[in-house]
Amino acid sequence: MTRCAQALVQLLEGYGVETVFGIPGVHTVELYRGLHGSRLKHISPRHEQGAGFMADGYARASGKPGVCFIISGPGMTNILTAMGQAYADSVPMLVISTCNRREHLRLGHGHLHELPDQRAMVAGVCAFSHTVQHPDQLPEVLARAFAVFGCMRPRPVHIEIPLDVLEMSAANLDVRPRALPVAPVPAAVAIEAAVTLINNAQRPLILAGGGARRASEALTLLAERLQAPVALTTNARGLLPPEHPLLLDGVQSSAHGRELFAEADVVLAIGTELGETDYDFFGLGPLAFTAPLIRLDIDPMQVLGAQPATVGLLGDAEQGMRALLAQLPQRQADQTWASVRVTQVNALEHAGWNPKQCRLQEVLDTVRDALPQPLIVGDSTQPVYQGALGYRAPAPNSWFNAGTGYGTLGYALPAAIGAKLALPLRPVVALVGDGGLQFSSAELIAAKEAGAGVILLLWNNSSYAEIRDYMNAKAVPLLGVDILTPDFAALAQSCHVPHHRVSNLHHLRERLGQLGSTQTPVMLELDAAAFLAE
């Protein structure tokens, strides 16, 4: 008999899912019956939060949804943080969980893993949460999930299946994937209004975010057609080549960046929330545009967001930019303004860095240049914060982290594992501090088990240093930030992973040059004090 759980796996295969992250439990054994003999590869993290972060990294690197199988109750509470990070960064993640039998739901009789209302708990970190009441609902609910991932703002989706439904017959279920709608193209009348604003401008500016991360070519063509400076958020790094003359460094939160924004006579914001952690990291206050603002976004709530648009383009970022390109002539913009001001503003940005920031930037640039097209996955740690200002990624989707937006700790290692599983031939670096690593260090052995050759770059300053610096700046007595750290060499050894201590840029460059094609995880422990004193 084909059971509901087996039909679910067949449907996932039909939608192109190749990898599932999860920890088997009493309440998910039927899902694992379905996995047996399927084409899906199963990866076992050591914590459900790690499963979610792995799915997040897998999705960002591959462009496909990351999929998790999670037990009810504690499994769902464990994965909520990872879902929150994916929700904040618009990452497609499908979380399939169990829940108690239908006749036991919400009665509070003390059944295993029982929660008063699991869907209500999850609702704030997903596009939608649905309880499957019968196998016949599976095809429609899964189609809705993949429609969210493909033609709406991609965010986690949660589908829970009661234990009794998992065991029900699905022998007559049609498990062929449904035809999905495509992402919308902005309306022609809105495109015409935007083109009119742009044609009347001499100093256009482009602000691009993660919503454009699959549209590198269109963004580059549009910037060159308009001769517009381009500022990229963390999730958009690499959309322009690092040497491109129109590329601004991370100046959105700097005074000199704000001055450039004020000089623009039209601003085109593409796939960006214009949020605090990308545009007001230093507390200068919200952006205040005096020029007309054109917002291109697949989410109508962003088009109508805190920065109201003069013209709103609702639709897919790439299709919207190509629609603009089709109507915009190769015009004679003020090219001197663009080229000169980009150079000036970037120089001002670099000149404002203190010696510590300069050294952190050198570390990041060394990692980028010592490896072939590396993908760097960052935690909330000092080098990553510097990267928000100065890192120029070598390619799209090769720099993402938890240092902005939701801002969780413990993200980098499991997310890098997911990214490496998605792109096994590319070097993937997990850049994490000693504090953040202790949130998810158990996933190091999961990387070894999965054959995910992640380069774990550990920035060890034996503290929550960024918070310590913030407390000092606010004259708050230091408490809880200078932490005892493990013997990381012993930790690596216990996980069957090589460990190397690195104390300067030369040794870092040399080690990385030897590891570009590694197929096994390795830990490089950077002595932060030695690097900063070098």
Protein backbone atom coordinates (compact mmCIF):
# COMPACT_ATOMS: atom_id res chain seq x y z
CA MET A 1 0.00 0.00 0.00
CA THR A 2 1.27 3.49 -0.87
CA ARG A 3 0.91 5.55 2.28
CA CYS A 4 0.60 9.30 2.60
CA ALA A 5 4.24 9.69 3.65
CA GLN A 6 5.41 7.83 0.54
CA ALA A 7 3.20 9.95 -1.69
CA LEU A 8 4.71 13.05 -0.10
CA VAL A 9 8.23 11.95 -1.04
CA GLN A 10 7.09 11.19 -4.60
CA LEU A 11 5.63 14.67 -4.88
CA LEU A 12 8.84 16.24 -3.60
CA GLU A 13 10.81 14.30 -6.20
CA GLY A 14 8.45 15.62 -8.87
CA TYR A 15 9.19 19.19 -7.84
CA GLY A 16 12.93 18.58 -8.19
CA VAL A 17 13.86 18.23 -4.53
CA GLU A 18 17.14 16.36 -4.16
CA THR A 19 18.14 16.78 -0.50
CA VAL A 20 16.27 16.64 2.79
CA PHE A 21 17.65 17.74 6.18
CA GLY A 22 16.27 16.13 9.31
CA ILE A 23 16.69 14.10 12.47
CA PRO A 24 14.55 10.94 12.64
CA GLY A 25 12.18 10.71 15.60
CA VAL A 26 9.31 8.57 16.79
CA HIS A 27 6.87 10.95 15.15
CA THR A 28 8.62 11.01 11.75
CA VAL A 29 9.40 7.34 11.12
CA GLU A 30 6.67 7.16 8.48
CA LEU A 31 8.40 9.96 6.57
CA TYR A 32 11.58 7.89 6.66
CA ARG A 33 9.66 4.88 5.35
CA GLY A 34 8.83 7.13 2.43
CA LEU A 35 12.45 8.22 1.99
CA HIS A 36 13.69 4.64 1.78
CA GLY A 37 14.40 3.78 -1.83
CA SER A 38 13.72 7.31 -3.08
CA ARG A 39 16.11 9.56 -4.99
CA LEU A 40 16.28 12.03 -2.11
CA LYS A 41 19.54 12.37 -0.20
CA HIS A 42 19.07 12.62 3.55
CA ILE A 43 21.43 14.70 5.72
CA SER A 44 21.42 14.30 9.50
CA PRO A 45 22.29 17.46 11.44
CA ARG A 46 22.79 17.31 15.18
CA HIS A 47 20.06 19.80 16.05
CA GLU A 48 16.91 20.94 14.28
CA GLN A 49 18.19 24.52 14.26
CA GLY A 50 21.16 23.19 12.32
CA ALA A 51 18.75 21.48 9.90
CA GLY A 52 17.05 24.81 9.24
CA PHE A 53 20.31 26.68 8.74
CA MET A 54 21.56 23.93 6.41
CA ALA A 55 18.38 24.21 4.36
CA ASP A 56 18.85 28.00 4.30
CA GLY A 57 22.42 27.76 2.98
CA TYR A 58 21.41 25.08 0.48
CA ALA A 59 18.62 27.29 -0.85
CA ARG A 60 20.77 30.40 -1.19
CA ALA A 61 23.55 28.52 -2.97
CA SER A 62 21.37 26.43 -5.28
CA GLY A 63 18.35 28.64 -5.88
CA LYS A 64 16.12 25.69 -4.93
CA PRO A 65 14.05 25.41 -1.74
CA GLY A 66 15.76 23.81 1.24
CA VAL A 67 13.60 21.03 2.68
CA CYS A 68 13.46 19.76 6.29
CA PHE A 69 11.68 16.83 7.96
CA ILE A 70 11.03 17.81 11.58
CA ILE A 71 9.33 16.11 14.52
CA SER A 72 6.43 17.78 16.25
CA GLY A 73 6.89 19.74 19.46
CA PRO A 74 10.58 20.23 20.34
CA GLY A 75 11.68 19.74 16.75
CA MET A 76 9.53 22.67 15.71
CA THR A 77 10.56 24.90 18.59
CA ASN A 78 14.20 24.13 17.76
CA ILE A 79 13.90 25.13 14.11
CA LEU A 80 12.03 28.39 14.71
CA THR A 81 15.20 30.52 14.87
CA ALA A 82 16.37 29.19 11.51
CA MET A 83 12.95 29.86 10.03
CA GLY A 84 13.10 33.40 11.43
CA GLN A 85 16.44 34.00 9.70
CA ALA A 86 15.09 32.62 6.40
CA TYR A 87 11.92 34.66 6.75
CA ALA A 88 13.88 37.88 7.27
CA ASP A 89 16.13 37.21 4.26
CA SER A 90 13.42 35.88 1.92
CA VAL A 91 14.86 32.37 1.63
CA PRO A 92 12.68 29.51 0.29
CA MET A 93 12.46 26.76 2.93
CA LEU A 94 9.92 23.95 3.17
CA VAL A 95 9.50 22.61 6.71
CA ILE A 96 7.45 19.43 6.83
CA SER A 97 6.60 18.32 10.34
CA THR A 98 4.31 15.91 12.07
CA CYS A 99 1.75 16.71 14.72
CA ASN A 100 -0.35 14.59 17.02
CA ARG A 101 -3.21 12.49 15.75
CA ARG A 102 -6.22 14.52 14.67
CA GLU A 103 -8.38 13.35 17.54
CA HIS A 104 -5.71 14.52 20.02
CA LEU A 105 -5.01 17.99 18.61
CA ARG A 106 -5.35 20.96 20.99
CA LEU A 107 -6.90 18.94 23.82
CA GLY A 108 -3.98 19.18 26.24
CA HIS A 109 -4.08 15.55 27.34
CA GLY A 110 -0.29 15.25 27.65
CA HIS A 111 0.51 13.27 24.53
CA LEU A 112 4.13 13.04 23.36
CA HIS A 113 5.47 16.32 21.85
CA GLU A 114 2.08 17.98 22.33
CA LEU A 115 1.76 21.73 21.83
CA PRO A 116 -1.41 23.78 22.33
CA ASP A 117 -1.28 25.01 18.72
CA GLN A 118 1.83 24.27 16.67
CA ARG A 119 0.62 26.16 13.60
CA ALA A 120 -0.05 29.32 15.62
CA MET A 121 3.45 29.13 17.06
CA VAL A 122 5.03 28.86 13.60
CA ALA A 123 2.82 31.41 11.85
CA GLY A 124 5.08 34.40 12.47
CA VAL A 125 8.09 32.92 10.64
CA CYS A 126 6.52 31.48 7.51
CA ALA A 127 4.49 32.52 4.49
CA PHE A 128 1.82 30.06 5.57
CA SER A 129 1.33 27.02 7.80
CA HIS A 130 -1.13 24.28 6.89
CA THR A 131 -2.38 21.12 8.60
CA VAL A 132 -3.04 18.33 6.11
CA GLN A 133 -6.28 16.65 7.17
CA HIS A 134 -6.30 13.98 4.45
CA PRO A 135 -3.81 12.70 1.84
CA ASP A 136 -6.00 14.15 -0.92
CA GLN A 137 -4.91 17.64 0.21
CA LEU A 138 -1.20 17.00 -0.31
CA PRO A 139 -0.90 17.85 -4.03
CA GLU A 140 -2.66 21.20 -3.66
CA VAL A 141 -0.82 22.24 -0.50
CA LEU A 142 2.61 21.36 -1.92
CA ALA A 143 1.78 23.21 -5.14
CA ARG A 144 0.94 26.28 -3.07
CA ALA A 145 4.29 26.02 -1.29
CA PHE A 146 6.27 25.86 -4.53
CA ALA A 147 4.20 28.71 -5.95
CA VAL A 148 5.33 30.85 -2.97
CA PHE A 149 8.93 29.90 -3.68
CA GLY A 150 8.71 30.65 -7.40
CA CYS A 151 6.43 33.62 -7.94
CA MET A 152 6.00 35.41 -4.61
CA ARG A 153 8.39 36.73 -2.01
CA PRO A 154 10.12 33.44 -1.09
CA ARG A 155 9.82 32.62 2.58
CA PRO A 156 9.52 29.46 4.68
CA VAL A 157 6.40 27.35 4.37
CA HIS A 158 5.32 24.93 7.11
CA ILE A 159 3.21 21.86 6.38
CA GLU A 160 2.24 19.64 9.30
CA ILE A 161 0.78 16.17 8.89
CA PRO A 162 -0.98 14.38 11.77
CA LEU A 163 0.39 10.97 12.66
CA ASP A 164 -2.75 9.15 11.62
CA VAL A 165 -2.85 10.94 8.24
CA LEU A 166 0.76 9.92 7.50
CA GLU A 167 -0.28 6.27 7.71
CA MET A 168 -3.39 6.59 5.54
CA SER A 169 -3.56 5.10 2.07
CA ALA A 170 -2.68 7.36 -0.84
CA ALA A 171 -2.87 4.64 -3.46
CA ASN A 172 -5.05 6.66 -5.83
CA LEU A 173 -3.34 10.02 -5.30
CA ASP A 174 -2.06 11.87 -8.37
CA VAL A 175 1.55 12.58 -7.43
CA ARG A 176 2.48 14.45 -10.59
CA PRO A 177 3.67 18.02 -9.89
CA ARG A 178 1.20 20.72 -10.83
CA ALA A 179 1.91 23.43 -13.36
CA LEU A 180 3.02 26.45 -11.36
CA PRO A 181 2.37 30.09 -12.16
CA VAL A 182 5.30 32.28 -13.15
CA ALA A 183 6.40 35.41 -11.35
CA PRO A 184 4.51 38.49 -12.55
CA VAL A 185 5.96 41.18 -14.79
CA PRO A 186 5.29 44.79 -13.71
CA ALA A 187 2.33 46.42 -15.44
CA ALA A 188 3.08 48.26 -18.67
CA VAL A 189 1.58 51.52 -17.38
CA ALA A 190 3.90 51.43 -14.36
CA ILE A 191 6.92 50.70 -16.56
CA GLU A 192 6.02 53.70 -18.73
CA ALA A 193 5.77 55.96 -15.67
CA ALA A 194 9.15 54.76 -14.41
CA VAL A 195 10.76 55.26 -17.82
CA THR A 196 9.46 58.83 -17.91
CA LEU A 197 11.04 59.59 -14.51
CA ILE A 198 14.34 58.04 -15.53
CA ASN A 199 14.47 59.81 -18.89
CA ASN A 200 13.98 63.14 -17.14
CA ALA A 201 16.88 62.47 -14.75
CA GLN A 202 20.60 63.12 -15.12
CA ARG A 203 21.89 61.52 -11.92
CA PRO A 204 20.12 58.17 -11.44
CA LEU A 205 21.04 55.91 -8.53
CA ILE A 206 20.32 52.17 -8.08
CA LEU A 207 19.87 50.47 -4.71
CA ALA A 208 19.69 46.69 -5.13
CA GLY A 209 18.90 44.04 -2.54
CA GLY A 210 18.47 40.32 -2.17
CA GLY A 211 15.34 40.32 -4.30
CA ALA A 212 17.63 40.84 -7.31
CA ARG A 213 20.16 38.14 -6.41
CA ARG A 214 19.28 35.98 -9.43
CA ALA A 215 19.32 38.93 -11.86
CA SER A 216 22.99 39.90 -12.11
CA GLU A 217 23.09 40.35 -15.88
CA ALA A 218 19.98 42.51 -16.04
CA LEU A 219 21.18 44.70 -13.16
CA THR A 220 24.59 45.22 -14.76
CA LEU A 221 23.02 46.12 -18.11
CA LEU A 222 20.62 48.56 -16.47
CA ALA A 223 23.37 50.26 -14.45
CA GLU A 224 25.52 50.68 -17.56
CA ARG A 225 22.59 51.88 -19.67
CA LEU A 226 21.78 54.55 -17.07
CA GLN A 227 25.36 55.19 -15.94
CA ALA A 228 24.01 54.89 -12.41
CA PRO A 229 26.06 54.20 -9.27
CA VAL A 230 24.94 50.93 -7.66
CA ALA A 231 24.78 50.22 -3.92
CA LEU A 232 24.32 46.54 -3.02
CA THR A 233 22.98 45.21 0.27
CA THR A 234 24.58 42.22 1.99
CA ASN A 235 22.33 39.77 0.17
CA ALA A 236 23.04 41.37 -3.20
CA ARG A 237 26.84 41.37 -3.09
CA GLY A 238 28.45 40.08 -6.26
CA LEU A 239 25.67 41.17 -8.60
CA LEU A 240 28.17 43.56 -10.16
CA PRO A 241 31.75 42.36 -10.71
CA PRO A 242 34.09 43.54 -7.93
CA GLU A 243 36.07 45.76 -10.30
CA HIS A 244 33.02 47.45 -11.87
CA PRO A 245 33.45 51.28 -11.98
CA LEU A 246 29.82 51.90 -10.95
CA LEU A 247 29.98 49.72 -7.85
CA LEU A 248 29.78 51.47 -4.50
CA ASP A 249 31.16 49.84 -1.38
CA GLY A 250 28.79 49.35 1.56
CA VAL A 251 28.25 53.08 2.02
CA GLN A 252 24.48 53.01 2.63
CA SER A 253 24.90 53.71 6.34
CA SER A 254 27.73 56.25 6.05
CA ALA A 255 27.36 60.02 5.94
CA HIS A 256 29.19 60.27 2.62
CA GLY A 257 26.92 57.58 1.18
CA ARG A 258 23.89 59.56 2.29
CA GLU A 259 25.35 62.65 0.59
CA LEU A 260 25.60 60.78 -2.70
CA PHE A 261 22.03 59.53 -2.32
CA ALA A 262 20.88 63.12 -1.80
CA GLU A 263 22.53 64.20 -5.08
CA ALA A 264 20.58 61.69 -7.15
CA ASP A 265 17.62 63.02 -9.10
CA VAL A 266 15.91 59.63 -9.35
CA VAL A 267 16.39 56.52 -7.19
CA LEU A 268 15.57 53.00 -8.36
CA ALA A 269 15.26 50.52 -5.44
CA ILE A 270 15.18 46.91 -6.65
CA GLY A 271 14.32 44.01 -4.38
CA THR A 272 15.29 45.76 -1.17
CA GLU A 273 13.38 46.56 2.03
CA LEU A 274 15.52 49.67 2.55
CA GLY A 275 15.80 48.36 6.09
CA GLU A 276 17.81 49.48 9.09
CA THR A 277 20.59 46.90 9.11
CA ASP A 278 21.49 47.61 5.48
CA TYR A 279 20.86 51.36 5.35
CA ASP A 280 21.13 52.73 8.88
CA PHE A 281 23.71 50.59 10.66
CA PHE A 282 25.30 53.64 12.32
CA GLY A 283 22.10 55.24 13.56
CA LEU A 284 22.00 58.25 11.25
CA GLY A 285 18.24 57.92 10.96
CA PRO A 286 15.93 56.61 8.24
CA LEU A 287 16.63 57.39 4.62
CA ALA A 288 14.97 60.56 3.41
CA PHE A 289 14.71 60.70 -0.38
CA THR A 290 14.05 64.06 -1.99
CA ALA A 291 14.26 62.63 -5.51
CA PRO A 292 11.49 60.49 -7.02
CA LEU A 293 11.69 56.89 -5.79
CA ILE A 294 10.92 53.93 -8.06
CA ARG A 295 10.48 50.65 -6.20
CA LEU A 296 10.64 47.33 -8.05
CA ASP A 297 9.62 44.44 -5.82
CA ILE A 298 7.65 41.22 -5.94
CA ASP A 299 6.10 42.04 -2.57
CA PRO A 300 3.37 44.72 -2.68
CA MET A 301 3.97 45.47 1.01
CA GLN A 302 7.48 46.63 0.11
CA VAL A 303 6.29 48.75 -2.79
CA LEU A 304 4.02 50.43 -0.22
CA GLY A 305 6.62 50.31 2.55
CA ALA A 306 8.09 52.85 4.94
CA GLN A 307 9.77 54.57 1.98
CA PRO A 308 6.75 55.23 -0.25
CA ALA A 309 7.34 54.93 -3.98
CA THR A 310 6.64 57.64 -6.52
CA VAL A 311 6.19 54.76 -8.95
CA GLY A 312 5.69 51.18 -7.80
CA LEU A 313 6.68 48.28 -10.04
CA LEU A 314 5.12 45.08 -8.70
CA GLY A 315 6.79 42.01 -10.12
CA ASP A 316 9.88 39.91 -10.64
CA ALA A 317 13.15 41.83 -10.39
CA GLU A 318 14.77 40.43 -13.52
CA GLN A 319 11.64 40.73 -15.67
CA GLY A 320 11.04 44.23 -14.38
CA MET A 321 14.57 45.37 -15.21
CA ARG A 322 14.38 43.83 -18.67
CA ALA A 323 11.07 45.60 -19.27
CA LEU A 324 12.78 48.89 -18.35
CA LEU A 325 15.75 48.11 -20.59
CA ALA A 326 13.40 47.48 -23.51
CA GLN A 327 12.15 51.08 -23.31
CA LEU A 328 15.18 53.01 -22.08
CA PRO A 329 17.45 54.46 -24.76
CA GLN A 330 21.22 54.54 -24.45
CA ARG A 331 21.13 58.03 -23.08
CA GLN A 332 23.63 60.76 -22.39
CA ALA A 333 23.56 60.84 -18.63
CA ASP A 334 26.00 62.82 -16.53
CA GLN A 335 28.70 60.14 -16.73
CA THR A 336 31.22 62.37 -15.01
CA TRP A 337 29.01 62.51 -11.93
CA ALA A 338 28.69 58.74 -11.75
CA SER A 339 32.32 57.79 -12.30
CA VAL A 340 33.83 60.61 -10.26
CA ARG A 341 31.46 60.38 -7.33
CA VAL A 342 31.69 56.57 -7.05
CA THR A 343 35.47 56.87 -6.85
CA GLN A 344 35.25 59.70 -4.32
CA VAL A 345 32.71 58.03 -2.07
CA ASN A 346 34.55 54.70 -2.06
CA ALA A 347 37.77 56.51 -1.19
CA LEU A 348 36.04 58.31 1.68
CA GLU A 349 34.70 54.97 2.92
CA HIS A 350 38.16 53.40 2.98
CA ALA A 351 39.77 56.48 4.52
CA GLY A 352 37.34 56.30 7.44
CA TRP A 353 38.39 52.81 8.50
CA ASN A 354 40.54 52.49 11.60
CA PRO A 355 43.56 50.11 11.65
CA LYS A 356 41.46 47.26 13.03
CA GLN A 357 38.93 47.60 10.22
CA CYS A 358 41.71 47.72 7.63
CA ARG A 359 43.16 44.48 8.95
CA LEU A 360 39.75 42.78 9.02
CA GLN A 361 39.27 43.86 5.41
CA GLU A 362 42.65 42.38 4.51
CA VAL A 363 41.58 39.07 6.01
CA LEU A 364 38.41 39.03 3.90
CA ASP A 365 40.22 40.00 0.72
CA THR A 366 42.87 37.36 1.35
CA VAL A 367 40.21 34.66 1.62
CA ARG A 368 38.55 35.85 -1.59
CA ASP A 369 41.77 36.05 -3.58
CA ALA A 370 43.39 32.84 -2.31
CA LEU A 371 40.51 30.61 -3.40
CA PRO A 372 38.83 30.15 -6.80
CA GLN A 373 35.41 31.85 -6.67
CA PRO A 374 34.83 31.18 -2.96
CA LEU A 375 31.41 31.26 -1.37
CA ILE A 376 31.73 32.81 2.09
CA VAL A 377 28.99 32.16 4.64
CA GLY A 378 29.30 34.41 7.67
CA ASP A 379 28.06 34.45 11.23
CA SER A 380 27.57 37.54 13.38
CA THR A 381 31.27 38.20 13.93
CA GLN A 382 33.71 41.11 13.56
CA PRO A 383 35.14 40.26 10.10
CA VAL A 384 31.61 39.85 8.75
CA TYR A 385 30.57 43.27 10.07
CA GLN A 386 33.53 44.77 8.27
CA GLY A 387 32.51 42.89 5.15
CA ALA A 388 29.21 44.74 5.21
CA LEU A 389 31.24 47.88 4.52
CA GLY A 390 33.98 46.70 2.20
CA TYR A 391 33.71 43.15 0.89
CA ARG A 392 33.39 42.84 -2.87
CA ALA A 393 32.11 39.37 -3.67
CA PRO A 394 33.54 37.70 -6.78
CA ALA A 395 30.16 36.47 -8.07
CA PRO A 396 26.45 36.54 -7.22
CA ASN A 397 25.27 34.47 -4.25
CA SER A 398 28.82 34.05 -2.96
CA TRP A 399 28.52 36.16 0.21
CA PHE A 400 25.69 35.79 2.70
CA ASN A 401 25.58 35.87 6.46
CA ALA A 402 23.60 36.43 9.64
CA GLY A 403 25.25 39.75 10.46
CA THR A 404 22.31 41.83 9.18
CA GLY A 405 18.54 41.45 9.25
CA TYR A 406 17.48 38.86 11.82
CA GLY A 407 21.06 38.64 13.09
CA THR A 408 21.25 35.23 14.71
CA LEU A 409 24.35 33.49 16.05
CA GLY A 410 25.40 29.97 15.13
CA TYR A 411 24.32 30.36 11.49
CA ALA A 412 27.56 30.13 9.53
CA LEU A 413 28.72 26.54 9.98
CA PRO A 414 25.43 24.72 9.25
CA ALA A 415 24.50 27.15 6.46
CA ALA A 416 27.91 26.60 4.88
CA ILE A 417 27.35 22.85 5.06
CA GLY A 418 24.10 23.28 3.16
CA ALA A 419 25.80 25.50 0.59
CA LYS A 420 28.64 23.01 0.10
CA LEU A 421 26.18 20.16 -0.42
CA ALA A 422 24.45 22.27 -3.08
CA LEU A 423 27.73 23.27 -4.79
CA PRO A 424 30.25 20.53 -4.00
CA LEU A 425 32.85 21.72 -6.53
CA ARG A 426 33.13 25.28 -5.17
CA PRO A 427 35.18 26.24 -2.12
CA VAL A 428 32.79 27.17 0.70
CA VAL A 429 34.06 29.05 3.75
CA ALA A 430 32.24 29.31 7.07
CA LEU A 431 33.46 32.51 8.72
CA VAL A 432 32.52 32.37 12.39
CA GLY A 433 33.65 33.74 15.73
CA ASP A 434 34.47 31.64 18.77
CA GLY A 435 31.22 32.69 20.45
CA GLY A 436 29.03 31.92 17.46
CA LEU A 437 30.67 28.57 16.82
CA GLN A 438 29.70 27.41 20.28
CA PHE A 439 26.05 27.77 19.26
CA SER A 440 26.38 25.10 16.57
CA SER A 441 29.75 23.37 16.94
CA ALA A 442 28.05 19.96 16.97
CA GLU A 443 27.37 20.40 13.25
CA LEU A 444 31.09 20.02 12.55
CA ILE A 445 30.79 16.26 12.85
CA ALA A 446 27.64 16.39 10.70
CA ALA A 447 29.77 18.03 8.00
CA LYS A 448 32.32 15.23 8.30
CA GLU A 449 29.60 12.59 8.10
CA ALA A 450 28.00 14.23 5.06
CA GLY A 451 31.30 14.67 3.23
CA ALA A 452 30.78 18.44 3.07
CA GLY A 453 34.27 19.90 2.64
CA VAL A 454 33.63 23.22 4.36
CA ILE A 455 36.60 25.40 5.30
CA LEU A 456 35.75 26.57 8.83
CA LEU A 457 37.53 29.87 9.38
CA LEU A 458 37.38 30.53 13.11
CA TRP A 459 38.01 34.10 14.26
CA ASN A 460 39.02 33.48 17.87
CA ASN A 461 39.12 36.48 20.21
CA SER A 462 37.85 34.54 23.26
CA SER A 463 34.84 36.80 23.67
CA TYR A 464 31.66 38.19 22.23
CA ALA A 465 33.90 41.00 21.05
CA GLU A 466 31.39 43.05 19.08
CA ILE A 467 29.07 43.21 22.08
CA ARG A 468 32.01 43.93 24.38
CA ASP A 469 32.99 46.90 22.19
CA TYR A 470 29.39 48.10 22.18
CA MET A 471 29.18 47.89 25.96
CA ASN A 472 32.41 49.87 26.25
CA ALA A 473 31.08 52.52 23.87
CA LYS A 474 27.91 52.82 25.97
CA ALA A 475 29.87 52.85 29.26
CA VAL A 476 28.13 49.66 30.38
CA PRO A 477 30.17 47.52 32.81
CA LEU A 478 31.41 44.40 31.05
CA LEU A 479 29.48 41.32 32.05
CA GLY A 480 29.06 38.01 30.23
CA VAL A 481 31.12 38.90 27.17
CA ASP A 482 34.58 37.56 28.05
CA ILE A 483 33.87 33.87 27.76
CA LEU A 484 35.76 30.66 28.32
CA THR A 485 36.35 28.97 24.96
CA PRO A 486 36.91 25.29 24.23
CA ASP A 487 40.15 23.77 23.05
CA PHE A 488 39.17 24.04 19.40
CA ALA A 489 41.97 21.76 18.23
CA ALA A 490 40.64 19.04 20.51
CA LEU A 491 37.11 19.77 19.35
CA ALA A 492 38.15 19.38 15.71
CA GLN A 493 40.04 16.19 16.48
CA SER A 494 37.03 14.71 18.27
CA CYS A 495 34.99 15.38 15.10
CA HIS A 496 37.66 13.73 12.89
CA VAL A 497 38.44 17.09 11.27
CA PRO A 498 41.94 18.54 10.65
CA HIS A 499 42.83 21.67 12.61
CA HIS A 500 45.45 24.33 11.85
CA ARG A 501 46.34 27.46 13.81
CA VAL A 502 46.98 30.51 11.67
CA SER A 503 48.55 33.70 13.01
CA ASN A 504 49.15 35.98 10.00
CA LEU A 505 47.97 36.78 6.50
CA HIS A 506 50.86 34.97 4.82
CA HIS A 507 50.07 31.70 6.60
CA LEU A 508 46.35 32.17 5.89
CA ARG A 509 46.99 32.66 2.19
CA GLU A 510 49.29 29.64 2.11
CA ARG A 511 46.84 27.36 3.93
CA LEU A 512 43.89 28.41 1.81
CA GLY A 513 45.88 27.78 -1.34
CA GLN A 514 46.28 24.18 -0.22
CA LEU A 515 42.58 23.72 0.59
CA GLY A 516 40.72 25.04 -2.44
CA SER A 517 39.60 21.59 -3.55
CA THR A 518 39.21 19.94 -0.13
CA GLN A 519 36.46 17.35 0.08
CA THR A 520 36.62 17.03 3.85
CA PRO A 521 35.93 19.70 6.47
CA VAL A 522 38.89 21.53 7.93
CA MET A 523 39.19 24.11 10.72
CA LEU A 524 41.56 27.06 10.42
CA GLU A 525 41.75 28.83 13.78
CA LEU A 526 42.77 32.47 13.43
CA ASP A 527 44.28 34.08 16.49
CA ALA A 528 42.46 37.43 16.35
CA ALA A 529 44.94 39.20 18.65
CA ALA A 530 47.88 38.12 16.51
CA PHE A 531 46.19 39.21 13.29
CA LEU A 532 45.24 42.61 14.66
CA ALA A 533 48.74 43.17 16.06
CA GLU A 534 50.51 42.14 12.85
